[in-house]
Amino acid sequence: TWPGGPQYLPRFIVGRASRQVDAS
């Protein structure tokens, strides 16, 4: 996932989208 980006698919498919850093 893109840190700071959307949880675009369920976690069991792509894992967690972190909110601890904004990659952009």
PDB file of all heavy atoms in Angstrom:
ATOM      1  N   THR A   1       0.839  -1.191   0.000  1.00  0.00           N
ATOM      2  CA  THR A   1       0.000   0.000   0.000  1.00  0.00           C
ATOM      3  C   THR A   1       0.873   1.239   0.000  1.00  0.00           C
ATOM      4  O   THR A   1       2.071   1.179   0.281  1.00  0.00           O
ATOM      5  CB  THR A   1      -0.904   0.017   1.246  1.00  0.00           C
ATOM      6  OG1 THR A   1      -0.086  -0.192   2.407  1.00  0.00           O
ATOM      7  CG2 THR A   1      -1.967  -1.084   1.188  1.00  0.00           C
ATOM      8  N   TRP A   2       0.242   2.374  -0.310  1.00  0.00           N
ATOM      9  CA  TRP A   2       0.926   3.673  -0.318  1.00  0.00           C
ATOM     10  C   TRP A   2       0.709   4.311   1.044  1.00  0.00           C
ATOM     11  O   TRP A   2      -0.414   4.685   1.380  1.00  0.00           O
ATOM     12  CB  TRP A   2       0.324   4.542  -1.417  1.00  0.00           C
ATOM     13  CG  TRP A   2       1.019   5.822  -1.717  1.00  0.00           C
ATOM     14  CD1 TRP A   2       0.932   6.972  -0.999  1.00  0.00           C
ATOM     15  CD2 TRP A   2       1.880   6.101  -2.825  1.00  0.00           C
ATOM     16  NE1 TRP A   2       1.698   7.966  -1.584  1.00  0.00           N
ATOM     17  CE2 TRP A   2       2.287   7.463  -2.711  1.00  0.00           C
ATOM     18  CE3 TRP A   2       2.355   5.347  -3.905  1.00  0.00           C
ATOM     19  CZ2 TRP A   2       3.131   8.064  -3.642  1.00  0.00           C
ATOM     20  CZ3 TRP A   2       3.200   5.949  -4.829  1.00  0.00           C
ATOM     21  CH2 TRP A   2       3.576   7.282  -4.692  1.00  0.00           C
ATOM     22  N   PRO A   3       1.733   4.446   1.887  1.00  0.00           N
ATOM     23  CA  PRO A   3       1.532   5.046   3.208  1.00  0.00           C
ATOM     24  C   PRO A   3       0.854   6.411   3.116  1.00  0.00           C
ATOM     25  O   PRO A   3       1.281   7.279   2.363  1.00  0.00           O
ATOM     26  CB  PRO A   3       2.959   5.165   3.758  1.00  0.00           C
ATOM     27  CG  PRO A   3       3.705   4.057   3.077  1.00  0.00           C
ATOM     28  CD  PRO A   3       3.134   4.022   1.690  1.00  0.00           C
ATOM     29  N   GLY A   4      -0.226   6.569   3.877  1.00  0.00           N
ATOM     30  CA  GLY A   4      -1.029   7.768   3.791  1.00  0.00           C
ATOM     31  C   GLY A   4      -2.096   7.706   2.728  1.00  0.00           C
ATOM     32  O   GLY A   4      -2.945   8.589   2.635  1.00  0.00           O
ATOM     33  N   GLY A   5      -2.084   6.646   1.915  1.00  0.00           N
ATOM     34  CA  GLY A   5      -3.065   6.462   0.856  1.00  0.00           C
ATOM     35  C   GLY A   5      -4.215   5.585   1.299  1.00  0.00           C
ATOM     36  O   GLY A   5      -4.333   5.215   2.468  1.00  0.00           O
ATOM     37  N   PRO A   6      -5.094   5.201   0.381  1.00  0.00           N
ATOM     38  CA  PRO A   6      -6.315   4.479   0.732  1.00  0.00           C
ATOM     39  C   PRO A   6      -6.084   2.996   1.028  1.00  0.00           C
ATOM     40  O   PRO A   6      -5.133   2.393   0.536  1.00  0.00           O
ATOM     41  CB  PRO A   6      -7.185   4.638  -0.516  1.00  0.00           C
ATOM     42  CG  PRO A   6      -6.182   4.723  -1.627  1.00  0.00           C
ATOM     43  CD  PRO A   6      -5.019   5.505  -1.067  1.00  0.00           C
ATOM     44  N   GLN A   7      -6.967   2.438   1.832  1.00  0.00           N
ATOM     45  CA  GLN A   7      -7.041   0.986   1.992  1.00  0.00           C
ATOM     46  C   GLN A   7      -7.874   0.493   0.804  1.00  0.00           C
ATOM     47  O   GLN A   7      -9.067   0.263   0.889  1.00  0.00           O
ATOM     48  CB  GLN A   7      -7.701   0.623   3.325  1.00  0.00           C
ATOM     49  CG  GLN A   7      -7.742  -0.865   3.624  1.00  0.00           C
ATOM     50  CD  GLN A   7      -6.370  -1.461   3.887  1.00  0.00           C
ATOM     51  OE1 GLN A   7      -5.611  -0.950   4.701  1.00  0.00           O
ATOM     52  NE2 GLN A   7      -6.033  -2.529   3.190  1.00  0.00           N
ATOM     53  N   TYR A   8      -7.209   0.347  -0.348  1.00  0.00           N
ATOM     54  CA  TYR A   8      -7.930   0.191  -1.604  1.00  0.00           C
ATOM     55  C   TYR A   8      -8.517  -1.196  -1.811  1.00  0.00           C
ATOM     56  O   TYR A   8      -9.399  -1.389  -2.643  1.00  0.00           O
ATOM     57  CB  TYR A   8      -7.031   0.572  -2.791  1.00  0.00           C
ATOM     58  CG  TYR A   8      -5.780  -0.270  -2.954  1.00  0.00           C
ATOM     59  CD1 TYR A   8      -5.753  -1.352  -3.809  1.00  0.00           C
ATOM     60  CD2 TYR A   8      -4.620   0.048  -2.250  1.00  0.00           C
ATOM     61  CE1 TYR A   8      -4.611  -2.109  -3.977  1.00  0.00           C
ATOM     62  CE2 TYR A   8      -3.474  -0.699  -2.399  1.00  0.00           C
ATOM     63  CZ  TYR A   8      -3.472  -1.782  -3.268  1.00  0.00           C
ATOM     64  OH  TYR A   8      -2.333  -2.528  -3.421  1.00  0.00           O
ATOM     65  N   LEU A   9      -8.016  -2.177  -1.074  1.00  0.00           N
ATOM     66  CA  LEU A   9      -8.577  -3.533  -1.074  1.00  0.00           C
ATOM     67  C   LEU A   9      -8.491  -4.076   0.346  1.00  0.00           C
ATOM     68  O   LEU A   9      -7.742  -3.552   1.175  1.00  0.00           O
ATOM     69  CB  LEU A   9      -7.810  -4.450  -2.038  1.00  0.00           C
ATOM     70  CG  LEU A   9      -8.151  -4.326  -3.531  1.00  0.00           C
ATOM     71  CD1 LEU A   9      -7.225  -5.182  -4.361  1.00  0.00           C
ATOM     72  CD2 LEU A   9      -9.605  -4.686  -3.810  1.00  0.00           C
ATOM     73  N   PRO A  10      -9.246  -5.137   0.646  1.00  0.00           N
ATOM     74  CA  PRO A  10      -9.223  -5.678   2.005  1.00  0.00           C
ATOM     75  C   PRO A  10      -7.807  -6.062   2.460  1.00  0.00           C
ATOM     76  O   PRO A  10      -6.945  -6.414   1.647  1.00  0.00           O
ATOM     77  CB  PRO A  10     -10.121  -6.907   1.907  1.00  0.00           C
ATOM     78  CG  PRO A  10     -11.051  -6.601   0.784  1.00  0.00           C
ATOM     79  CD  PRO A  10     -10.229  -5.824  -0.212  1.00  0.00           C
ATOM     80  N   ARG A  11      -7.605  -5.996   3.771  1.00  0.00           N
ATOM     81  CA  ARG A  11      -6.273  -6.254   4.320  1.00  0.00           C
ATOM     82  C   ARG A  11      -5.769  -7.653   4.021  1.00  0.00           C
ATOM     83  O   ARG A  11      -4.563  -7.857   3.873  1.00  0.00           O
ATOM     84  CB  ARG A  11      -6.300  -6.016   5.831  1.00  0.00           C
ATOM     85  CG  ARG A  11      -6.512  -4.560   6.216  1.00  0.00           C
ATOM     86  CD  ARG A  11      -6.789  -4.421   7.700  1.00  0.00           C
ATOM     87  NE  ARG A  11      -7.140  -3.046   8.051  1.00  0.00           N
ATOM     88  CZ  ARG A  11      -7.734  -2.702   9.178  1.00  0.00           C
ATOM     89  NH1 ARG A  11      -8.046  -3.651  10.073  1.00  0.00           N
ATOM     90  NH2 ARG A  11      -8.028  -1.448   9.430  1.00  0.00           N
ATOM     91  N   PHE A  12      -6.683  -8.626   3.924  1.00  0.00           N
ATOM     92  CA  PHE A  12      -6.186  -9.985   3.694  1.00  0.00           C
ATOM     93  C   PHE A  12      -5.617 -10.145   2.278  1.00  0.00           C
ATOM     94  O   PHE A  12      -4.927 -11.132   1.995  1.00  0.00           O
ATOM     95  CB  PHE A  12      -7.292 -11.024   3.962  1.00  0.00           C
ATOM     96  CG  PHE A  12      -8.306 -11.183   2.864  1.00  0.00           C
ATOM     97  CD1 PHE A  12      -8.147 -12.134   1.873  1.00  0.00           C
ATOM     98  CD2 PHE A  12      -9.444 -10.387   2.830  1.00  0.00           C
ATOM     99  CE1 PHE A  12      -9.090 -12.283   0.868  1.00  0.00           C
ATOM    100  CE2 PHE A  12     -10.391 -10.534   1.844  1.00  0.00           C
ATOM    101  CZ  PHE A  12     -10.214 -11.480   0.853  1.00  0.00           C
ATOM    102  N   ILE A  13      -5.849  -9.166   1.414  1.00  0.00           N
ATOM    103  CA  ILE A  13      -5.308  -9.221   0.058  1.00  0.00           C
ATOM    104  C   ILE A  13      -4.020  -8.398  -0.046  1.00  0.00           C
ATOM    105  O   ILE A  13      -3.008  -8.885  -0.558  1.00  0.00           O
ATOM    106  CB  ILE A  13      -6.335  -8.709  -0.969  1.00  0.00           C
ATOM    107  CG1 ILE A  13      -7.591  -9.573  -0.941  1.00  0.00           C
ATOM    108  CG2 ILE A  13      -5.729  -8.697  -2.377  1.00  0.00           C
ATOM    109  CD1 ILE A  13      -8.712  -9.032  -1.797  1.00  0.00           C
ATOM    110  N   VAL A  14      -4.048  -7.149   0.441  1.00  0.00           N
ATOM    111  CA  VAL A  14      -2.908  -6.252   0.244  1.00  0.00           C
ATOM    112  C   VAL A  14      -2.228  -5.828   1.540  1.00  0.00           C
ATOM    113  O   VAL A  14      -1.213  -5.134   1.505  1.00  0.00           O
ATOM    114  CB  VAL A  14      -3.329  -4.990  -0.548  1.00  0.00           C
ATOM    115  CG1 VAL A  14      -3.796  -5.359  -1.942  1.00  0.00           C
ATOM    116  CG2 VAL A  14      -4.389  -4.188   0.203  1.00  0.00           C
ATOM    117  N   GLY A  15      -2.754  -6.232   2.693  1.00  0.00           N
ATOM    118  CA  GLY A  15      -2.193  -5.777   3.951  1.00  0.00           C
ATOM    119  C   GLY A  15      -2.714  -4.400   4.326  1.00  0.00           C
ATOM    120  O   GLY A  15      -3.614  -3.848   3.689  1.00  0.00           O
ATOM    121  N   ARG A  16      -2.130  -3.833   5.369  1.00  0.00           N
ATOM    122  CA  ARG A  16      -2.618  -2.561   5.909  1.00  0.00           C
ATOM    123  C   ARG A  16      -2.021  -1.358   5.180  1.00  0.00           C
ATOM    124  O   ARG A  16      -0.844  -1.350   4.832  1.00  0.00           O
ATOM    125  CB  ARG A  16      -2.251  -2.444   7.398  1.00  0.00           C
ATOM    126  CG  ARG A  16      -3.023  -3.368   8.317  1.00  0.00           C
ATOM    127  CD  ARG A  16      -2.630  -3.108   9.768  1.00  0.00           C
ATOM    128  NE  ARG A  16      -3.332  -3.996  10.676  1.00  0.00           N
ATOM    129  CZ  ARG A  16      -4.537  -3.753  11.178  1.00  0.00           C
ATOM    130  NH1 ARG A  16      -5.169  -2.631  10.864  1.00  0.00           N
ATOM    131  NH2 ARG A  16      -5.098  -4.621  11.998  1.00  0.00           N
ATOM    132  N   ALA A  17      -2.861  -0.330   5.027  1.00  0.00           N
ATOM    133  CA  ALA A  17      -2.390   0.979   4.585  1.00  0.00           C
ATOM    134  C   ALA A  17      -2.052   1.799   5.833  1.00  0.00           C
ATOM    135  O   ALA A  17      -2.928   2.109   6.636  1.00  0.00           O
ATOM    136  CB  ALA A  17      -3.452   1.678   3.757  1.00  0.00           C
ATOM    137  N   SER A  18      -0.804   2.132   5.992  1.00  0.00           N
ATOM    138  CA  SER A  18      -0.362   2.848   7.192  1.00  0.00           C
ATOM    139  C   SER A  18      -0.787   4.307   7.156  1.00  0.00           C
ATOM    140  O   SER A  18      -0.793   4.952   6.103  1.00  0.00           O
ATOM    141  CB  SER A  18       1.157   2.766   7.318  1.00  0.00           C
ATOM    142  OG  SER A  18       1.610   3.510   8.437  1.00  0.00           O
ATOM    143  N   ARG A  19      -1.119   4.827   8.341  1.00  0.00           N
ATOM    144  CA  ARG A  19      -1.408   6.253   8.512  1.00  0.00           C
ATOM    145  C   ARG A  19      -0.305   6.955   9.296  1.00  0.00           C
ATOM    146  O   ARG A  19      -0.455   8.105   9.671  1.00  0.00           O
ATOM    147  CB  ARG A  19      -2.750   6.418   9.255  1.00  0.00           C
ATOM    148  CG  ARG A  19      -3.937   5.816   8.530  1.00  0.00           C
ATOM    149  CD  ARG A  19      -4.326   6.657   7.316  1.00  0.00           C
ATOM    150  NE  ARG A  19      -5.421   6.065   6.572  1.00  0.00           N
ATOM    151  CZ  ARG A  19      -5.277   5.276   5.521  1.00  0.00           C
ATOM    152  NH1 ARG A  19      -4.060   4.969   5.103  1.00  0.00           N
ATOM    153  NH2 ARG A  19      -6.317   4.794   4.868  1.00  0.00           N
ATOM    154  N   GLN A  20       0.801   6.267   9.523  1.00  0.00           N
ATOM    155  CA  GLN A  20       1.864   6.828  10.355  1.00  0.00           C
ATOM    156  C   GLN A  20       2.832   7.729   9.597  1.00  0.00           C
ATOM    157  O   GLN A  20       3.615   8.456  10.207  1.00  0.00           O
ATOM    158  CB  GLN A  20       2.636   5.696  11.046  1.00  0.00           C
ATOM    159  CG  GLN A  20       1.779   4.752  11.855  1.00  0.00           C
ATOM    160  CD  GLN A  20       1.017   5.438  12.989  1.00  0.00           C
ATOM    161  OE1 GLN A  20       1.188   6.617  13.266  1.00  0.00           O
ATOM    162  NE2 GLN A  20       0.142   4.684  13.656  1.00  0.00           N
ATOM    163  N   VAL A  21       2.802   7.676   8.277  1.00  0.00           N
ATOM    164  CA  VAL A  21       3.633   8.561   7.461  1.00  0.00           C
ATOM    165  C   VAL A  21       2.890   8.796   6.158  1.00  0.00           C
ATOM    166  O   VAL A  21       2.166   7.921   5.681  1.00  0.00           O
ATOM    167  CB  VAL A  21       5.034   7.945   7.209  1.00  0.00           C
ATOM    168  CG1 VAL A  21       4.941   6.649   6.440  1.00  0.00           C
ATOM    169  CG2 VAL A  21       5.943   8.931   6.491  1.00  0.00           C
ATOM    170  N   ASP A  22       3.014   9.984   5.634  1.00  0.00           N
ATOM    171  CA  ASP A  22       2.428  10.317   4.338  1.00  0.00           C
ATOM    172  C   ASP A  22       3.539  10.220   3.296  1.00  0.00           C
ATOM    173  O   ASP A  22       4.431  11.081   3.237  1.00  0.00           O
ATOM    174  CB  ASP A  22       1.825  11.717   4.376  1.00  0.00           C
ATOM    175  CG  ASP A  22       1.075  12.063   3.095  1.00  0.00           C
ATOM    176  OD1 ASP A  22       1.629  11.852   2.001  1.00  0.00           O
ATOM    177  OD2 ASP A  22      -0.069  12.552   3.192  1.00  0.00           O
ATOM    178  N   ALA A  23       3.501   9.180   2.473  1.00  0.00           N
ATOM    179  CA  ALA A  23       4.581   8.948   1.521  1.00  0.00           C
ATOM    180  C   ALA A  23       4.711  10.092   0.526  1.00  0.00           C
ATOM    181  O   ALA A  23       5.830  10.479   0.159  1.00  0.00           O
ATOM    182  CB  ALA A  23       4.361   7.629   0.790  1.00  0.00           C
ATOM    183  N   SER A  24       3.602  10.646   0.077  1.00  0.00           N
ATOM    184  CA  SER A  24       3.665  11.706  -0.932  1.00  0.00           C
ATOM    185  C   SER A  24       4.384  12.934  -0.381  1.00  0.00           C
ATOM    186  O   SER A  24       5.268  13.505  -1.033  1.00  0.00           O
ATOM    187  CB  SER A  24       2.257  12.072  -1.406  1.00  0.00           C
ATOM    188  OG  SER A  24       1.649  10.968  -2.049  1.00  0.00           O
TER     189      SER A  24
END
